[in-house]
Amino acid sequence: MAQSQLAAGLLLAIALLSGCAAQRELTLDVAPLVSQPDVPLDETDILAMSPAMLAFLDNALGADVPRSQRTGRLARAILEPGALGFSYDALRTLTAADAFDQRRGNCLAFSNLFIAMA
């Protein structure tokens, strides 16, 4: 019995010590970011509102909706099939105006649309 306990203890010690073994650090062989050329960025206003968006917003919310209810009403107006009927499309990252026109987009497109209209 003592011999089996000793063997079990030895196996446990070996298992615990193997977790402390040095691991080889893996690094990618890439040039530092500071040496990369400048890339011009697109200056598109991703939150710009089109006249159609403004009309939709006036129709969906109007002036009489209290501020405390605006976000809930806006979310329903964007998502409900009888209103805008926005649907999820994982492959479409769009501006707010494009998401409104296409009535679809991914989570970033929805965020752009919702933030622009909020």
C-alpha atoms as a PDB file:
ATOM      1  CA  MET A   1       0.000   0.000   0.000  1.00  0.00           C
ATOM      2  CA  ALA A   2       2.769   2.437   0.891  1.00  0.00           C
ATOM      3  CA  GLN A   3       4.488   1.646  -2.362  1.00  0.00           C
ATOM      4  CA  SER A   4       1.347   2.456  -4.411  1.00  0.00           C
ATOM      5  CA  GLN A   5       0.891   5.728  -2.509  1.00  0.00           C
ATOM      6  CA  LEU A   6       4.516   6.605  -3.184  1.00  0.00           C
ATOM      7  CA  ALA A   7       4.068   5.837  -6.894  1.00  0.00           C
ATOM      8  CA  ALA A   8       0.870   7.914  -7.031  1.00  0.00           C
ATOM      9  CA  GLY A   9       2.602  10.804  -5.257  1.00  0.00           C
ATOM     10  CA  LEU A  10       5.560  10.575  -7.617  1.00  0.00           C
ATOM     11  CA  LEU A  11       3.270  10.614 -10.668  1.00  0.00           C
ATOM     12  CA  LEU A  12       1.415  13.624  -9.267  1.00  0.00           C
ATOM     13  CA  ALA A  13       4.697  15.467  -8.651  1.00  0.00           C
ATOM     14  CA  ILE A  14       5.886  14.717 -12.189  1.00  0.00           C
ATOM     15  CA  ALA A  15       2.581  15.927 -13.635  1.00  0.00           C
ATOM     16  CA  LEU A  16       2.733  19.146 -11.614  1.00  0.00           C
ATOM     17  CA  LEU A  17       6.358  19.804 -12.518  1.00  0.00           C
ATOM     18  CA  SER A  18       5.702  19.241 -16.211  1.00  0.00           C
ATOM     19  CA  GLY A  19       3.389  22.257 -16.091  1.00  0.00           C
ATOM     20  CA  CYS A  20       6.389  24.356 -15.066  1.00  0.00           C
ATOM     21  CA  ALA A  21       8.474  23.307 -18.061  1.00  0.00           C
ATOM     22  CA  ALA A  22       9.675  26.203 -20.163  1.00  0.00           C
ATOM     23  CA  GLN A  23       7.623  26.812 -23.283  1.00  0.00           C
ATOM     24  CA  ARG A  24       9.208  28.108 -26.438  1.00  0.00           C
ATOM     25  CA  GLU A  25       7.825  31.577 -27.192  1.00  0.00           C
ATOM     26  CA  LEU A  26       6.190  31.822 -30.588  1.00  0.00           C
ATOM     27  CA  THR A  27       6.490  35.142 -32.364  1.00  0.00           C
ATOM     28  CA  LEU A  28       5.495  36.227 -35.815  1.00  0.00           C
ATOM     29  CA  ASP A  29       8.174  37.503 -38.111  1.00  0.00           C
ATOM     30  CA  VAL A  30       6.599  40.831 -39.090  1.00  0.00           C
ATOM     31  CA  ALA A  31       7.994  44.306 -39.541  1.00  0.00           C
ATOM     32  CA  PRO A  32       7.203  46.795 -36.777  1.00  0.00           C
ATOM     33  CA  LEU A  33       4.197  49.022 -37.385  1.00  0.00           C
ATOM     34  CA  VAL A  34       6.313  52.165 -37.292  1.00  0.00           C
ATOM     35  CA  SER A  35       8.083  51.179 -40.507  1.00  0.00           C
ATOM     36  CA  GLN A  36       4.850  50.683 -42.463  1.00  0.00           C
ATOM     37  CA  PRO A  37       3.860  53.238 -45.120  1.00  0.00           C
ATOM     38  CA  ASP A  38       1.016  55.635 -44.400  1.00  0.00           C
ATOM     39  CA  VAL A  39      -2.284  54.558 -45.888  1.00  0.00           C
ATOM     40  CA  PRO A  40      -4.809  57.286 -46.664  1.00  0.00           C
ATOM     41  CA  LEU A  41      -8.111  56.731 -44.893  1.00  0.00           C
ATOM     42  CA  ASP A  42     -11.500  57.131 -46.499  1.00  0.00           C
ATOM     43  CA  GLU A  43     -13.173  60.250 -45.113  1.00  0.00           C
ATOM     44  CA  THR A  44     -16.735  59.007 -45.595  1.00  0.00           C
ATOM     45  CA  ASP A  45     -19.073  60.119 -42.819  1.00  0.00           C
ATOM     46  CA  ILE A  46     -20.429  56.738 -41.729  1.00  0.00           C
ATOM     47  CA  LEU A  47     -23.181  58.395 -39.664  1.00  0.00           C
ATOM     48  CA  ALA A  48     -24.448  60.805 -42.338  1.00  0.00           C
ATOM     49  CA  MET A  49     -28.243  60.910 -42.627  1.00  0.00           C
ATOM     50  CA  SER A  50     -30.012  60.968 -45.983  1.00  0.00           C
ATOM     51  CA  PRO A  51     -33.274  62.872 -46.546  1.00  0.00           C
ATOM     52  CA  ALA A  52     -35.095  59.512 -46.654  1.00  0.00           C
ATOM     53  CA  MET A  53     -33.695  58.656 -43.214  1.00  0.00           C
ATOM     54  CA  LEU A  54     -34.856  61.984 -41.794  1.00  0.00           C
ATOM     55  CA  ALA A  55     -38.354  61.433 -43.200  1.00  0.00           C
ATOM     56  CA  PHE A  56     -38.452  57.896 -41.767  1.00  0.00           C
ATOM     57  CA  LEU A  57     -37.350  59.214 -38.392  1.00  0.00           C
ATOM     58  CA  ASP A  58     -40.018  61.926 -38.367  1.00  0.00           C
ATOM     59  CA  ASN A  59     -42.666  59.372 -39.282  1.00  0.00           C
ATOM     60  CA  ALA A  60     -41.490  56.707 -36.821  1.00  0.00           C
ATOM     61  CA  LEU A  61     -40.886  58.944 -33.815  1.00  0.00           C
ATOM     62  CA  GLY A  62     -42.384  62.355 -34.388  1.00  0.00           C
ATOM     63  CA  ALA A  63     -41.881  65.214 -31.974  1.00  0.00           C
ATOM     64  CA  ASP A  64     -44.247  63.966 -29.261  1.00  0.00           C
ATOM     65  CA  VAL A  65     -42.242  60.875 -28.192  1.00  0.00           C
ATOM     66  CA  PRO A  66     -40.631  61.393 -24.765  1.00  0.00           C
ATOM     67  CA  ARG A  67     -36.836  61.006 -24.663  1.00  0.00           C
ATOM     68  CA  SER A  68     -37.207  58.022 -22.333  1.00  0.00           C
ATOM     69  CA  GLN A  69     -39.080  56.116 -25.067  1.00  0.00           C
ATOM     70  CA  ARG A  70     -37.103  57.179 -28.143  1.00  0.00           C
ATOM     71  CA  THR A  71     -34.520  54.382 -28.201  1.00  0.00           C
ATOM     72  CA  GLY A  72     -37.077  51.616 -27.749  1.00  0.00           C
ATOM     73  CA  ARG A  73     -39.336  53.065 -30.433  1.00  0.00           C
ATOM     74  CA  LEU A  74     -36.398  53.581 -32.762  1.00  0.00           C
ATOM     75  CA  ALA A  75     -35.217  49.978 -32.324  1.00  0.00           C
ATOM     76  CA  ARG A  76     -38.712  48.673 -33.085  1.00  0.00           C
ATOM     77  CA  ALA A  77     -39.043  50.967 -36.113  1.00  0.00           C
ATOM     78  CA  ILE A  78     -35.723  49.751 -37.521  1.00  0.00           C
ATOM     79  CA  LEU A  79     -36.269  46.043 -36.832  1.00  0.00           C
ATOM     80  CA  GLU A  80     -40.002  45.426 -37.346  1.00  0.00           C
ATOM     81  CA  PRO A  81     -40.944  43.980 -40.734  1.00  0.00           C
ATOM     82  CA  GLY A  82     -43.835  46.443 -41.095  1.00  0.00           C
ATOM     83  CA  ALA A  83     -41.474  49.392 -40.634  1.00  0.00           C
ATOM     84  CA  LEU A  84     -37.891  49.415 -41.949  1.00  0.00           C
ATOM     85  CA  GLY A  85     -37.474  45.659 -41.495  1.00  0.00           C
ATOM     86  CA  PHE A  86     -33.688  45.673 -41.070  1.00  0.00           C
ATOM     87  CA  SER A  87     -32.201  42.170 -41.284  1.00  0.00           C
ATOM     88  CA  TYR A  88     -28.801  40.782 -40.317  1.00  0.00           C
ATOM     89  CA  ASP A  89     -26.259  40.085 -43.056  1.00  0.00           C
ATOM     90  CA  ALA A  90     -22.821  39.136 -41.726  1.00  0.00           C
ATOM     91  CA  LEU A  91     -21.065  40.165 -44.943  1.00  0.00           C
ATOM     92  CA  ARG A  92     -22.272  43.781 -45.121  1.00  0.00           C
ATOM     93  CA  THR A  93     -20.408  46.470 -43.184  1.00  0.00           C
ATOM     94  CA  LEU A  94     -22.184  49.622 -44.307  1.00  0.00           C
ATOM     95  CA  THR A  95     -22.588  53.286 -43.526  1.00  0.00           C
ATOM     96  CA  ALA A  96     -25.808  54.371 -41.844  1.00  0.00           C
ATOM     97  CA  ALA A  97     -27.280  55.621 -45.132  1.00  0.00           C
ATOM     98  CA  ASP A  98     -26.339  52.451 -47.030  1.00  0.00           C
ATOM     99  CA  ALA A  99     -27.716  50.241 -44.248  1.00  0.00           C
ATOM    100  CA  PHE A 100     -30.960  52.228 -44.362  1.00  0.00           C
ATOM    101  CA  ASP A 101     -31.230  51.942 -48.156  1.00  0.00           C
ATOM    102  CA  GLN A 102     -30.398  48.228 -48.245  1.00  0.00           C
ATOM    103  CA  ARG A 103     -32.340  47.432 -45.045  1.00  0.00           C
ATOM    104  CA  ARG A 104     -29.662  44.978 -44.014  1.00  0.00           C
ATOM    105  CA  GLY A 105     -26.152  44.772 -42.644  1.00  0.00           C
ATOM    106  CA  ASN A 106     -23.944  43.336 -39.937  1.00  0.00           C
ATOM    107  CA  CYS A 107     -23.661  44.516 -36.331  1.00  0.00           C
ATOM    108  CA  LEU A 108     -21.495  47.497 -37.328  1.00  0.00           C
ATOM    109  CA  ALA A 109     -23.960  48.582 -40.006  1.00  0.00           C
ATOM    110  CA  PHE A 110     -26.824  48.321 -37.508  1.00  0.00           C
ATOM    111  CA  SER A 111     -24.819  50.315 -34.956  1.00  0.00           C
ATOM    112  CA  ASN A 112     -24.073  53.018 -37.531  1.00  0.00           C
ATOM    113  CA  LEU A 113     -27.749  53.201 -38.459  1.00  0.00           C
ATOM    114  CA  PHE A 114     -29.016  53.229 -34.881  1.00  0.00           C
ATOM    115  CA  ILE A 115     -26.483  55.788 -33.625  1.00  0.00           C
ATOM    116  CA  ALA A 116     -27.088  58.106 -36.581  1.00  0.00           C
ATOM    117  CA  MET A 117     -30.831  58.040 -35.990  1.00  0.00           C
ATOM    118  CA  ALA A 118     -30.732  58.201 -32.189  1.00  0.00           C
END
